PDB file of N, CA and C in Angstrom:
ATOM      1  N   UNK A   1     -17.686  46.365  69.423  1.00  0.00           N
ATOM      2  CA  UNK A   1     -16.420  45.681  69.283  1.00  0.00           C
ATOM      3  C   UNK A   1     -15.486  46.188  70.375  1.00  0.00           C
ATOM      4  N   UNK A   2     -14.788  45.259  71.007  1.00  0.00           N
ATOM      5  CA  UNK A   2     -13.827  45.589  72.053  1.00  0.00           C
ATOM      6  C   UNK A   2     -12.507  44.895  71.741  1.00  0.00           C
ATOM      7  N   UNK A   3     -11.424  45.613  71.927  1.00  0.00           N
ATOM      8  CA  UNK A   3     -10.085  45.062  71.770  1.00  0.00           C
ATOM      9  C   UNK A   3      -9.420  45.207  73.132  1.00  0.00           C
ATOM     10  N   UNK A   4      -9.140  44.062  73.779  1.00  0.00           N
ATOM     11  CA  UNK A   4      -8.741  44.104  75.184  1.00  0.00           C
ATOM     12  C   UNK A   4      -7.572  43.172  75.499  1.00  0.00           C
ATOM     13  N   UNK A   5      -6.931  43.459  76.631  1.00  0.00           N
ATOM     14  CA  UNK A   5      -5.889  42.590  77.158  1.00  0.00           C
ATOM     15  C   UNK A   5      -6.545  41.421  77.900  1.00  0.00           C
ATOM     16  N   UNK A   6      -5.740  40.465  78.300  1.00  0.00           N
ATOM     17  CA  UNK A   6      -6.249  39.276  78.987  1.00  0.00           C
ATOM     18  C   UNK A   6      -6.981  39.625  80.284  1.00  0.00           C
ATOM     19  N   UNK A   7      -6.469  40.616  81.003  1.00  0.00           N
ATOM     20  CA  UNK A   7      -7.047  40.976  82.295  1.00  0.00           C
ATOM     21  C   UNK A   7      -8.436  41.608  82.170  1.00  0.00           C
ATOM     22  N   UNK A   8      -8.775  42.154  81.010  1.00  0.00           N
ATOM     23  CA  UNK A   8     -10.045  42.855  80.862  1.00  0.00           C
ATOM     24  C   UNK A   8     -11.066  42.124  79.983  1.00  0.00           C
ATOM     25  N   UNK A   9     -10.825  40.863  79.674  1.00  0.00           N
ATOM     26  CA  UNK A   9     -11.762  40.099  78.846  1.00  0.00           C
ATOM     27  C   UNK A   9     -13.128  40.020  79.518  1.00  0.00           C
ATOM     28  N   UNK A  10     -13.159  39.679  80.787  1.00  0.00           N
ATOM     29  CA  UNK A  10     -14.440  39.527  81.483  1.00  0.00           C
ATOM     30  C   UNK A  10     -15.224  40.840  81.505  1.00  0.00           C
ATOM     31  N   UNK A  11     -14.544  41.945  81.743  1.00  0.00           N
ATOM     32  CA  UNK A  11     -15.199  43.248  81.758  1.00  0.00           C
ATOM     33  C   UNK A  11     -15.775  43.573  80.376  1.00  0.00           C
ATOM     34  N   UNK A  12     -15.016  43.291  79.336  1.00  0.00           N
ATOM     35  CA  UNK A  12     -15.484  43.548  77.980  1.00  0.00           C
ATOM     36  C   UNK A  12     -16.677  42.661  77.630  1.00  0.00           C
ATOM     37  N   UNK A  13     -16.652  41.410  78.060  1.00  0.00           N
ATOM     38  CA  UNK A  13     -17.798  40.524  77.827  1.00  0.00           C
ATOM     39  C   UNK A  13     -19.051  41.071  78.497  1.00  0.00           C
ATOM     40  N   UNK A  14     -18.922  41.497  79.744  1.00  0.00           N
ATOM     41  CA  UNK A  14     -20.060  42.080  80.462  1.00  0.00           C
ATOM     42  C   UNK A  14     -20.578  43.325  79.760  1.00  0.00           C
ATOM     43  N   UNK A  15     -19.675  44.203  79.337  1.00  0.00           N
ATOM     44  CA  UNK A  15     -20.076  45.427  78.644  1.00  0.00           C
ATOM     45  C   UNK A  15     -20.748  45.126  77.310  1.00  0.00           C
ATOM     46  N   UNK A  16     -20.235  44.138  76.584  1.00  0.00           N
ATOM     47  CA  UNK A  16     -20.826  43.752  75.301  1.00  0.00           C
ATOM     48  C   UNK A  16     -22.250  43.258  75.502  1.00  0.00           C
ATOM     49  N   UNK A  17     -22.443  42.368  76.448  1.00  0.00           N
ATOM     50  CA  UNK A  17     -23.773  41.806  76.701  1.00  0.00           C
ATOM     51  C   UNK A  17     -24.749  42.907  77.114  1.00  0.00           C
ATOM     52  N   UNK A  18     -24.294  43.834  77.934  1.00  0.00           N
ATOM     53  CA  UNK A  18     -25.145  44.946  78.349  1.00  0.00           C
ATOM     54  C   UNK A  18     -25.477  45.856  77.161  1.00  0.00           C
ATOM     55  N   UNK A  19     -24.478  46.180  76.369  1.00  0.00           N
ATOM     56  CA  UNK A  19     -24.661  47.099  75.238  1.00  0.00           C
ATOM     57  C   UNK A  19     -25.551  46.498  74.153  1.00  0.00           C
ATOM     58  N   UNK A  20     -25.404  45.209  73.891  1.00  0.00           N
ATOM     59  CA  UNK A  20     -26.132  44.565  72.806  1.00  0.00           C
ATOM     60  C   UNK A  20     -27.282  43.693  73.316  1.00  0.00           C
ATOM     61  N   UNK A  21     -27.823  44.066  74.443  1.00  0.00           N
ATOM     62  CA  UNK A  21     -29.061  43.502  75.000  1.00  0.00           C
ATOM     63  C   UNK A  21     -29.058  41.980  75.082  1.00  0.00           C
ATOM     64  N   UNK A  22     -28.020  41.437  75.693  1.00  0.00           N
ATOM     65  CA  UNK A  22     -27.989  40.017  75.985  1.00  0.00           C
ATOM     66  C   UNK A  22     -27.418  39.128  74.904  1.00  0.00           C
ATOM     67  N   UNK A  23     -27.020  39.688  73.777  1.00  0.00           N
ATOM     68  CA  UNK A  23     -26.435  38.858  72.727  1.00  0.00           C
ATOM     69  C   UNK A  23     -25.058  38.364  73.171  1.00  0.00           C
ATOM     70  N   UNK A  24     -24.773  37.132  72.833  1.00  0.00           N
ATOM     71  CA  UNK A  24     -23.469  36.560  73.177  1.00  0.00           C
ATOM     72  C   UNK A  24     -22.429  36.991  72.148  1.00  0.00           C
ATOM     73  N   UNK A  25     -21.292  37.471  72.598  1.00  0.00           N
ATOM     74  CA  UNK A  25     -20.245  37.903  71.661  1.00  0.00           C
ATOM     75  C   UNK A  25     -19.386  36.742  71.182  1.00  0.00           C
ATOM     76  N   UNK A  26     -18.657  36.991  70.118  1.00  0.00           N
ATOM     77  CA  UNK A  26     -17.606  36.083  69.661  1.00  0.00           C
ATOM     78  C   UNK A  26     -16.290  36.629  70.191  1.00  0.00           C
ATOM     79  N   UNK A  27     -15.423  35.736  70.658  1.00  0.00           N
ATOM     80  CA  UNK A  27     -14.124  36.129  71.190  1.00  0.00           C
ATOM     81  C   UNK A  27     -13.040  35.504  70.311  1.00  0.00           C
ATOM     82  N   UNK A  28     -12.131  36.356  69.838  1.00  0.00           N
ATOM     83  CA  UNK A  28     -11.052  35.901  68.960  1.00  0.00           C
ATOM     84  C   UNK A  28      -9.715  36.379  69.499  1.00  0.00           C
ATOM     85  N   UNK A  29      -8.700  35.548  69.396  1.00  0.00           N
ATOM     86  CA  UNK A  29      -7.343  35.962  69.738  1.00  0.00           C
ATOM     87  C   UNK A  29      -6.808  36.798  68.573  1.00  0.00           C
ATOM     88  N   UNK A  30      -6.280  37.964  68.885  1.00  0.00           N
ATOM     89  CA  UNK A  30      -5.769  38.839  67.835  1.00  0.00           C
ATOM     90  C   UNK A  30      -4.646  38.192  67.042  1.00  0.00           C
ATOM     91  N   UNK A  31      -3.847  37.353  67.675  1.00  0.00           N
ATOM     92  CA  UNK A  31      -2.744  36.684  66.972  1.00  0.00           C
ATOM     93  C   UNK A  31      -3.230  35.741  65.885  1.00  0.00           C
ATOM     94  N   UNK A  32      -4.488  35.299  65.982  1.00  0.00           N
ATOM     95  CA  UNK A  32      -5.044  34.357  65.016  1.00  0.00           C
ATOM     96  C   UNK A  32      -5.781  35.042  63.870  1.00  0.00           C
ATOM     97  N   UNK A  33      -5.855  36.385  63.895  1.00  0.00           N
ATOM     98  CA  UNK A  33      -6.628  37.133  62.909  1.00  0.00           C
ATOM     99  C   UNK A  33      -5.740  38.014  62.046  1.00  0.00           C
ATOM    100  N   UNK A  34      -6.227  38.271  60.842  1.00  0.00           N
ATOM    101  CA  UNK A  34      -5.580  39.280  59.998  1.00  0.00           C
ATOM    102  C   UNK A  34      -6.658  39.901  59.119  1.00  0.00           C
ATOM    103  N   UNK A  35      -6.617  41.220  59.028  1.00  0.00           N
ATOM    104  CA  UNK A  35      -7.561  41.963  58.214  1.00  0.00           C
ATOM    105  C   UNK A  35      -6.771  42.860  57.269  1.00  0.00           C
ATOM    106  N   UNK A  36      -7.274  43.046  56.063  1.00  0.00           N
ATOM    107  CA  UNK A  36      -6.572  43.909  55.121  1.00  0.00           C
ATOM    108  C   UNK A  36      -6.887  45.378  55.365  1.00  0.00           C
ATOM    109  N   UNK A  37      -8.074  45.696  55.860  1.00  0.00           N
ATOM    110  CA  UNK A  37      -8.483  47.095  56.005  1.00  0.00           C
ATOM    111  C   UNK A  37      -8.632  47.529  57.460  1.00  0.00           C
ATOM    112  N   UNK A  38      -8.089  46.762  58.395  1.00  0.00           N
ATOM    113  CA  UNK A  38      -8.223  47.111  59.813  1.00  0.00           C
ATOM    114  C   UNK A  38      -6.966  46.696  60.553  1.00  0.00           C
ATOM    115  N   UNK A  39      -6.511  47.575  61.403  1.00  0.00           N
ATOM    116  CA  UNK A  39      -5.364  47.267  62.253  1.00  0.00           C
ATOM    117  C   UNK A  39      -5.796  47.406  63.700  1.00  0.00           C
ATOM    118  N   UNK A  40      -5.458  46.445  64.528  1.00  0.00           N
ATOM    119  CA  UNK A  40      -5.831  46.476  65.944  1.00  0.00           C
ATOM    120  C   UNK A  40      -5.184  47.668  66.637  1.00  0.00           C
ATOM    121  N   UNK A  41      -5.890  48.274  67.575  1.00  0.00           N
ATOM    122  CA  UNK A  41      -5.302  49.365  68.352  1.00  0.00           C
ATOM    123  C   UNK A  41      -4.081  48.879  69.134  1.00  0.00           C
ATOM    124  N   UNK A  42      -3.229  49.798  69.501  1.00  0.00           N
ATOM    125  CA  UNK A  42      -2.006  49.457  70.230  1.00  0.00           C
ATOM    126  C   UNK A  42      -2.260  49.233  71.710  1.00  0.00           C
ATOM    127  N   UNK A  43      -3.429  49.674  72.211  1.00  0.00           N
ATOM    128  CA  UNK A  43      -3.734  49.580  73.639  1.00  0.00           C
ATOM    129  C   UNK A  43      -5.089  48.933  73.869  1.00  0.00           C
ATOM    130  N   UNK A  44      -5.215  48.306  75.006  1.00  0.00           N
ATOM    131  CA  UNK A  44      -6.479  47.750  75.480  1.00  0.00           C
ATOM    132  C   UNK A  44      -7.505  48.876  75.626  1.00  0.00           C
ATOM    133  N   UNK A  45      -8.775  48.536  75.452  1.00  0.00           N
ATOM    134  CA  UNK A  45      -9.857  49.520  75.625  1.00  0.00           C
ATOM    135  C   UNK A  45      -9.905  50.086  77.045  1.00  0.00           C
ATOM    136  N   UNK A  46      -9.403  49.325  78.025  1.00  0.00           N
ATOM    137  CA  UNK A  46      -9.558  49.692  79.429  1.00  0.00           C
ATOM    138  C   UNK A  46      -8.262  50.088  80.124  1.00  0.00           C
ATOM    139  N   UNK A  47      -7.112  49.840  79.487  1.00  0.00           N
ATOM    140  CA  UNK A  47      -5.838  50.156  80.132  1.00  0.00           C
ATOM    141  C   UNK A  47      -4.767  50.390  79.067  1.00  0.00           C
ATOM    142  N   UNK A  48      -3.553  50.483  79.480  1.00  0.00           N
ATOM    143  CA  UNK A  48      -2.442  50.778  78.571  1.00  0.00           C
ATOM    144  C   UNK A  48      -1.729  49.525  78.051  1.00  0.00           C
ATOM    145  N   UNK A  49      -2.200  48.339  78.443  1.00  0.00           N
ATOM    146  CA  UNK A  49      -1.530  47.100  78.026  1.00  0.00           C
ATOM    147  C   UNK A  49      -1.812  46.773  76.568  1.00  0.00           C
ATOM    148  N   UNK A  50      -0.948  45.937  75.992  1.00  0.00           N
ATOM    149  CA  UNK A  50      -1.117  45.461  74.622  1.00  0.00           C
ATOM    150  C   UNK A  50      -2.340  44.547  74.550  1.00  0.00           C
ATOM    151  N   UNK A  51      -3.260  44.756  73.615  1.00  0.00           N
ATOM    152  CA  UNK A  51      -4.464  43.911  73.526  1.00  0.00           C
ATOM    153  C   UNK A  51      -4.149  42.521  72.996  1.00  0.00           C
ATOM    154  N   UNK A  52      -4.920  41.552  73.450  1.00  0.00           N
ATOM    155  CA  UNK A  52      -4.757  40.154  73.035  1.00  0.00           C
ATOM    156  C   UNK A  52      -6.015  39.582  72.397  1.00  0.00           C
ATOM    157  N   UNK A  53      -7.185  40.196  72.670  1.00  0.00           N
ATOM    158  CA  UNK A  53      -8.461  39.630  72.236  1.00  0.00           C
ATOM    159  C   UNK A  53      -9.345  40.654  71.528  1.00  0.00           C
ATOM    160  N   UNK A  54     -10.104  40.168  70.560  1.00  0.00           N
ATOM    161  CA  UNK A  54     -11.121  40.951  69.876  1.00  0.00           C
ATOM    162  C   UNK A  54     -12.464  40.347  70.252  1.00  0.00           C
ATOM    163  N   UNK A  55     -13.346  41.178  70.753  1.00  0.00           N
ATOM    164  CA  UNK A  55     -14.672  40.723  71.162  1.00  0.00           C
ATOM    165  C   UNK A  55     -15.691  41.447  70.285  1.00  0.00           C
ATOM    166  N   UNK A  56     -16.431  40.663  69.507  1.00  0.00           N
ATOM    167  CA  UNK A  56     -17.403  41.228  68.557  1.00  0.00           C
ATOM    168  C   UNK A  56     -18.728  40.499  68.645  1.00  0.00           C
TER     169      UNK A  56
END
């Protein structure tokens, strides 16, 4: 799972595919999601920007 800003979506997609041996990830906008037992991190996985996407 990757939580990333707009600028790092492509990098996260590449890392996901490499890590999970070619499986295609699902990409979700964080603004469209809500979880009762999970809160999105305050920072992108790759930088200090506010994350916009969840890649799972």
